[in-house]
Protein backbone atom coordinates (compact mmCIF):
# COMPACT_ATOMS: atom_id res chain seq x y z
CA MET A 1 0.00 0.00 0.00
CA ARG A 2 1.40 3.39 -0.97
CA PHE A 3 0.63 6.95 0.05
CA GLU A 4 2.03 9.74 -2.12
CA GLY A 5 2.60 13.03 -0.35
CA LYS A 6 1.35 15.40 -3.06
CA GLU A 7 -0.96 13.09 -4.97
CA ARG A 8 -4.53 11.99 -4.37
CA ARG A 9 -4.85 9.45 -1.57
CA PHE A 10 -8.00 7.37 -1.20
CA ASN A 11 -7.86 7.54 2.59
CA GLY A 12 -7.45 11.27 2.84
CA ASP A 13 -9.57 12.53 -0.07
CA LYS A 14 -12.98 11.66 -1.36
CA ASP A 15 -13.01 9.80 -4.65
CA LEU A 16 -15.55 10.10 -7.45
CA LEU A 17 -17.99 7.60 -5.91
CA ASP A 18 -18.01 9.39 -2.55
CA ARG A 19 -18.57 12.78 -4.14
CA GLY A 20 -21.28 11.43 -6.41
CA LEU A 21 -23.20 9.93 -3.48
CA GLY A 22 -22.76 13.14 -1.50
CA TRP A 23 -24.24 15.31 -4.23
CA LEU A 24 -26.97 12.72 -4.88
CA SER A 25 -28.01 12.93 -1.22
CA VAL A 26 -28.06 16.72 -1.26
CA GLY A 27 -30.05 16.82 -4.50
CA LEU A 28 -32.63 14.25 -3.37
CA GLY A 29 -33.00 15.89 0.00
CA ALA A 30 -33.49 19.35 -1.50
CA SER A 31 -36.21 18.09 -3.85
CA GLN A 32 -37.97 16.26 -1.02
CA LEU A 33 -37.98 19.39 1.13
CA ALA A 34 -39.01 21.68 -1.73
CA ALA A 35 -41.88 19.54 -3.04
CA PRO A 36 -42.69 16.81 -0.48
CA ARG A 37 -46.27 16.20 -1.72
CA ARG A 38 -45.24 15.85 -5.33
CA ILE A 39 -42.38 13.45 -4.50
CA ALA A 40 -44.73 11.43 -2.28
CA ARG A 41 -47.25 11.12 -5.13
CA LEU A 42 -44.53 10.14 -7.61
CA THR A 43 -43.40 7.29 -5.36
CA GLY A 44 -46.98 6.17 -4.81
CA LEU A 45 -47.13 7.06 -1.10
CA GLY A 46 -49.78 9.76 -1.55
CA ASP A 47 -50.27 13.22 -0.03
CA GLY A 48 -50.42 11.86 3.51
CA ALA A 49 -46.69 11.14 3.43
CA ARG A 50 -45.72 14.83 3.19
CA THR A 51 -44.23 15.00 6.71
CA VAL A 52 -42.40 11.70 6.30
CA MET A 53 -40.98 12.87 2.98
CA MET A 54 -39.68 16.10 4.53
CA ALA A 55 -37.99 14.13 7.32
CA ILE A 56 -36.36 11.86 4.75
CA GLY A 57 -35.22 14.94 2.81
CA ALA A 58 -33.59 16.48 5.87
CA ARG A 59 -31.80 13.20 6.57
CA GLU A 60 -30.53 13.00 2.99
CA ILE A 61 -29.11 16.53 3.11
CA LEU A 62 -27.32 15.90 6.39
CA SER A 63 -25.81 12.68 5.04
CA GLY A 64 -24.78 14.37 1.80
CA LEU A 65 -23.10 17.30 3.54
CA GLY A 66 -21.29 14.91 5.85
CA ILE A 67 -19.93 12.95 2.89
CA LEU A 68 -18.85 16.09 1.04
CA LEU A 69 -17.36 18.00 3.96
CA ARG A 70 -15.81 15.34 6.18
CA ARG A 71 -12.30 14.12 5.38
CA GLN A 72 -13.26 10.63 6.50
CA PRO A 73 -16.95 10.20 5.47
CA ARG A 74 -17.24 6.53 6.40
CA GLU A 75 -19.92 7.09 9.07
CA PHE A 76 -22.07 9.17 6.72
CA LEU A 77 -21.83 6.57 3.96
CA TRP A 78 -23.12 3.92 6.36
CA SER A 79 -25.84 6.33 7.53
CA ARG A 80 -27.03 6.36 3.92
CA VAL A 81 -27.25 2.57 4.01
CA ALA A 82 -29.32 2.75 7.21
CA GLY A 83 -31.56 5.32 5.53
CA ASP A 84 -31.99 3.09 2.49
CA VAL A 85 -33.16 0.24 4.75
CA MET A 86 -35.68 2.54 6.42
CA ASP A 87 -36.96 3.75 3.04
CA LEU A 88 -37.35 0.19 1.78
CA GLY A 89 -39.25 -0.73 4.92
CA LEU A 90 -41.58 2.25 4.50
CA LEU A 91 -42.30 1.39 0.87
CA ALA A 92 -42.74 -2.32 1.63
CA ARG A 93 -45.36 -1.58 4.28
CA ALA A 94 -47.22 0.86 2.05
CA VAL A 95 -47.25 -1.31 -1.05
CA PHE A 96 -49.72 -3.76 0.52
CA ARG A 97 -52.16 -1.09 1.62
CA PRO A 98 -55.34 -0.68 -0.46
CA ARG A 99 -55.71 2.14 -2.98
CA ARG A 100 -51.95 2.58 -3.28
CA ARG A 101 -50.32 2.94 -6.69
CA ARG A 102 -48.38 -0.25 -6.48
CA ASN A 103 -46.62 0.06 -9.84
CA ARG A 104 -45.04 3.36 -8.83
CA MET A 105 -44.13 2.04 -5.41
CA THR A 106 -42.55 -1.08 -6.89
CA LEU A 107 -40.44 1.07 -9.20
CA ALA A 108 -39.48 3.29 -6.24
CA MET A 109 -38.45 0.23 -4.24
CA GLY A 110 -36.28 -0.96 -7.12
CA ALA A 111 -34.58 2.42 -7.39
CA VAL A 112 -33.92 2.58 -3.63
CA ALA A 113 -32.59 -0.99 -3.64
CA ALA A 114 -30.17 -0.16 -6.48
CA ILE A 115 -28.91 2.92 -4.64
CA ALA A 116 -28.60 0.88 -1.44
CA ILE A 117 -26.25 -1.56 -3.20
CA ILE A 118 -24.05 1.34 -4.33
CA ASP A 119 -24.08 2.78 -0.81
CA VAL A 120 -23.01 -0.57 0.65
CA VAL A 121 -20.14 -0.84 -1.84
CA ALA A 122 -18.96 2.69 -1.00
CA GLY A 123 -19.21 2.00 2.74
CA ILE A 124 -17.21 -1.22 2.47
CA ARG A 125 -14.49 0.44 0.37
CA ARG A 126 -14.13 3.32 2.80
CA THR A 127 -14.14 0.99 5.83
CA ARG A 128 -11.43 -1.21 4.34
CA ALA A 129 -9.33 1.84 3.48
CA ARG A 130 -9.75 3.15 7.02
CA ARG A 131 -8.65 -0.19 8.48
CA ASP A 132 -5.56 -0.11 6.27
CA LEU A 133 -4.67 3.40 7.38
CA VAL A 134 -4.73 2.71 11.10
CA GLY A 135 -2.70 -0.45 10.89
CA GLY A 136 -5.14 -3.24 10.13
CA MET A 137 -3.65 -3.92 6.73
CA THR A 138 -1.91 -7.14 5.81
CA ARG A 139 0.69 -5.70 3.42
CA ASP A 140 3.74 -3.53 3.94
CA GLN A 141 2.95 0.16 3.80
CA THR A 142 4.97 2.81 1.98
CA ILE A 143 4.54 6.52 2.56
CA VAL A 144 6.13 9.09 0.27
CA HIS A 145 6.61 12.83 0.44
CA LYS A 146 8.94 15.45 -0.97
CA VAL A 147 10.04 18.96 -0.09
CA ILE A 148 12.04 21.76 -1.71
CA ILE A 149 14.87 23.08 0.47
CA GLU A 150 16.51 26.34 -0.56
CA ARG A 151 20.03 25.07 0.03
CA PRO A 152 22.66 23.46 -2.27
CA ILE A 153 22.36 19.73 -2.78
CA GLU A 154 25.81 18.99 -1.25
CA GLU A 155 24.80 20.73 1.95
CA VAL A 156 21.44 19.01 2.23
CA TYR A 157 22.90 15.58 1.52
CA ALA A 158 25.71 16.07 4.06
CA PHE A 159 23.25 16.97 6.80
CA PHE A 160 20.94 14.05 5.96
CA ARG A 161 23.87 11.61 5.71
CA ASP A 162 24.91 12.37 9.29
CA THR A 163 22.63 9.86 11.03
CA THR A 164 22.90 11.70 14.35
CA ASN A 165 20.84 14.49 12.78
CA MET A 166 17.87 12.23 12.04
CA PRO A 167 16.09 12.58 15.42
CA ARG A 168 15.90 16.30 14.76
CA PHE A 169 13.37 15.86 11.96
CA PHE A 170 12.23 12.18 12.21
CA THR A 171 10.33 13.01 15.38
CA HIS A 172 9.61 9.43 16.48
CA LEU A 173 13.37 8.88 16.95
CA GLU A 174 14.94 9.71 20.30
CA SER A 175 18.57 9.12 19.28
CA VAL A 176 20.74 7.56 16.58
CA GLN A 177 24.23 6.46 17.62
CA PRO A 178 26.72 5.56 14.85
CA LEU A 179 28.34 2.12 15.24
CA SER A 180 30.39 2.20 12.04
CA ALA A 181 30.44 3.99 8.70
CA ARG A 182 27.18 2.32 7.69
CA ARG A 183 25.58 1.01 10.87
CA SER A 184 23.80 2.88 13.66
CA HIS A 185 21.90 2.08 16.83
CA VAL A 186 18.40 3.61 16.94
CA ARG A 187 16.31 4.47 19.96
CA ALA A 188 12.68 5.37 19.21
CA LYS A 189 9.36 6.02 20.88
CA ILE A 190 6.38 3.93 19.72
CA GLY A 191 3.30 5.00 21.64
CA ARG A 192 4.37 4.97 25.27
CA GLN A 193 7.06 2.36 24.71
CA THR A 194 10.75 3.03 24.00
CA VAL A 195 12.31 0.50 21.64
CA GLU A 196 15.80 0.07 20.16
CA TRP A 197 17.28 -1.58 17.09
CA ASP A 198 20.22 -1.43 14.69
CA THR A 199 19.99 -0.04 11.19
CA GLU A 200 22.35 0.02 8.25
CA ILE A 201 22.84 2.00 5.07
CA VAL A 202 22.37 -0.40 2.15
CA GLU A 203 22.96 2.01 -0.73
CA GLU A 204 24.69 5.35 -1.00
CA ARG A 205 25.27 7.62 -3.99
CA PRO A 206 26.63 10.93 -2.70
CA ASN A 207 24.36 13.91 -3.42
CA GLU A 208 21.89 11.60 -5.16
CA ARG A 209 20.49 8.74 -3.08
CA ILE A 210 20.77 7.06 0.31
CA ALA A 211 18.84 3.96 1.44
CA TRP A 212 18.69 2.26 4.82
CA ARG A 213 16.92 -0.62 6.57
CA ALA A 214 16.40 -1.99 10.06
CA LEU A 215 18.45 -5.10 10.83
CA GLN A 216 17.08 -8.42 12.04
CA GLY A 217 15.69 -8.20 15.54
CA ALA A 218 14.07 -4.79 15.13
CA PRO A 219 10.62 -4.60 16.82
CA VAL A 220 9.21 -3.19 13.57
CA ALA A 221 10.65 -4.08 10.16
CA ASN A 222 11.18 -0.81 8.34
CA SER A 223 13.30 0.77 5.65
CA GLY A 224 13.68 4.06 3.86
CA VAL A 225 15.24 5.82 0.92
CA ALA A 226 15.95 9.51 0.35
CA LEU A 227 16.44 10.90 -3.17
CA PHE A 228 18.14 14.24 -3.78
CA GLN A 229 17.77 16.31 -6.93
CA PRO A 230 18.83 19.91 -7.63
CA THR A 231 16.09 22.37 -8.48
CA PRO A 232 16.12 23.82 -12.02
CA ASP A 233 17.85 27.01 -10.87
CA GLY A 234 20.57 24.97 -9.14
CA ARG A 235 20.23 26.84 -5.86
CA GLY A 236 17.84 24.48 -4.08
CA THR A 237 17.32 20.77 -3.53
CA GLU A 238 14.29 18.55 -3.90
CA VAL A 239 14.30 15.85 -1.23
CA ARG A 240 11.99 12.87 -1.73
CA VAL A 241 11.69 10.38 1.13
CA GLU A 242 10.02 6.97 1.01
CA ARG A 243 9.40 5.05 4.25
CA THR A 244 8.27 1.43 4.19
CA PHE A 245 7.26 -0.62 7.22
CA GLU A 246 5.33 -3.74 8.09
CA PRO A 247 1.66 -3.48 9.18
CA ARG A 248 2.51 -3.12 12.88
CA GLY A 249 4.77 -0.23 11.95
CA ALA A 250 1.76 2.05 11.49
CA ARG A 251 2.24 2.87 15.17
CA LEU A 252 5.42 4.73 14.19
CA TYR A 253 3.40 7.29 12.30
CA GLY A 254 -0.01 7.18 13.97
CA ARG A 255 -3.33 7.41 12.16
CA PHE A 256 -2.23 9.62 9.26
CA PRO A 257 1.32 8.60 8.26
CA GLY A 258 1.51 10.80 5.17
CA GLN A 259 0.81 13.91 7.19
CA VAL A 260 3.44 12.98 9.77
CA LEU A 261 6.12 12.47 7.12
CA ARG A 262 5.19 15.77 5.50
CA GLY A 263 5.62 17.52 8.84
CA GLN A 264 9.00 15.88 9.38
CA LEU A 265 10.33 17.03 6.01
CA ARG A 266 9.06 20.53 6.66
CA ARG A 267 11.03 20.45 9.89
CA LEU A 268 14.14 19.39 7.95
CA LYS A 269 13.58 22.34 5.62
CA ARG A 270 13.25 24.79 8.53
CA ILE A 271 16.40 23.50 10.25
CA LEU A 272 18.61 23.78 7.17
CA GLU A 273 17.31 27.10 5.91
CA ALA A 274 17.32 28.75 9.35
CA ALA A 275 20.84 27.46 10.10
CA ALA A 276 22.07 28.71 6.72
CA GLU A 277 20.75 32.21 7.49
CA ARG A 278 22.76 32.30 10.74
CA VAL A 279 25.91 30.96 9.11
CA GLY A 280 25.41 33.40 6.24
CA ALA A 281 25.88 36.25 8.66
CA ARG A 282 29.47 35.02 9.26
CA THR A 283 30.48 33.72 5.80
CA ASP A 284 30.20 34.84 2.20
CA THR A 285 28.31 31.76 0.98
CA GLY A 286 26.47 30.58 4.09
CA SER A 287 27.44 27.05 3.14
CA LEU A 288 27.14 24.21 5.63
CA ARG A 289 28.88 21.86 3.22
CA GLY A 290 30.76 19.04 4.82
CA GLN A 291 29.37 19.61 8.30
CA HIS A 292 28.32 16.32 9.86
CA ARG A 293 27.76 17.59 13.36
CA PRO A 294 24.28 18.63 14.56
CA LEU A 295 23.41 22.23 13.79
CA GLU A 296 21.94 24.54 16.38
CA GLU A 297 18.26 25.19 15.87
């Protein structure tokens, strides 16, 4: 499962089906409130169902607005399913009453049943996506985000390559202690628990790419890769980070991992750009190139 930082994500944004059902609810509800008697006659319920039709209309509008406005509309999608069941029950009871227009009511029941199937499909899709997001998935999860840092690529890479700097922007890390040129010992906070493991750099292309992974025995299998690319003007650097971890690793990033990674890269950007401004007051270039020690924030 993959979450792209600046692209559409199913779990964070409503897709076409969600939006369509939201607007359908609002449209149906508005028509039921505006002309309750006419809608009641069209469905075969008769003029006596005016109050019931207005109540159904109000419910439809509330459900539609919830789907359109809420970032996670799962509850409102299932409220539509509950409403569909109520509507079917109302029509089923009325269809056997004398002097009812049964043909119209049968057609209305068919239309409601068809919409109910679509509502159930949308509710199931959103529920499964929600379960994946909070850690109930069965596949490894990859989150991706990128940021533009207004500093030269050599400087940005040098700071990132110094593993002792990582806790300053990867906020779930408490410390990273180098063991060798490629291995480090990591101490991290997962929920209320502090855990430790060893990690190693598995690929390194200076000023271009660096990849790492947790070694065997880590409480959560995880890995990452950072890609560095100069901006078109040559004065800045685009940093793209991909983090992959097993299902239990969702605890590292909480409920919304993409947002957490975005915040961490923004913190990296602030640290480097703010430090460069201070150094720039003492040097001609303001370069931090080659510095592998932590910078003052």
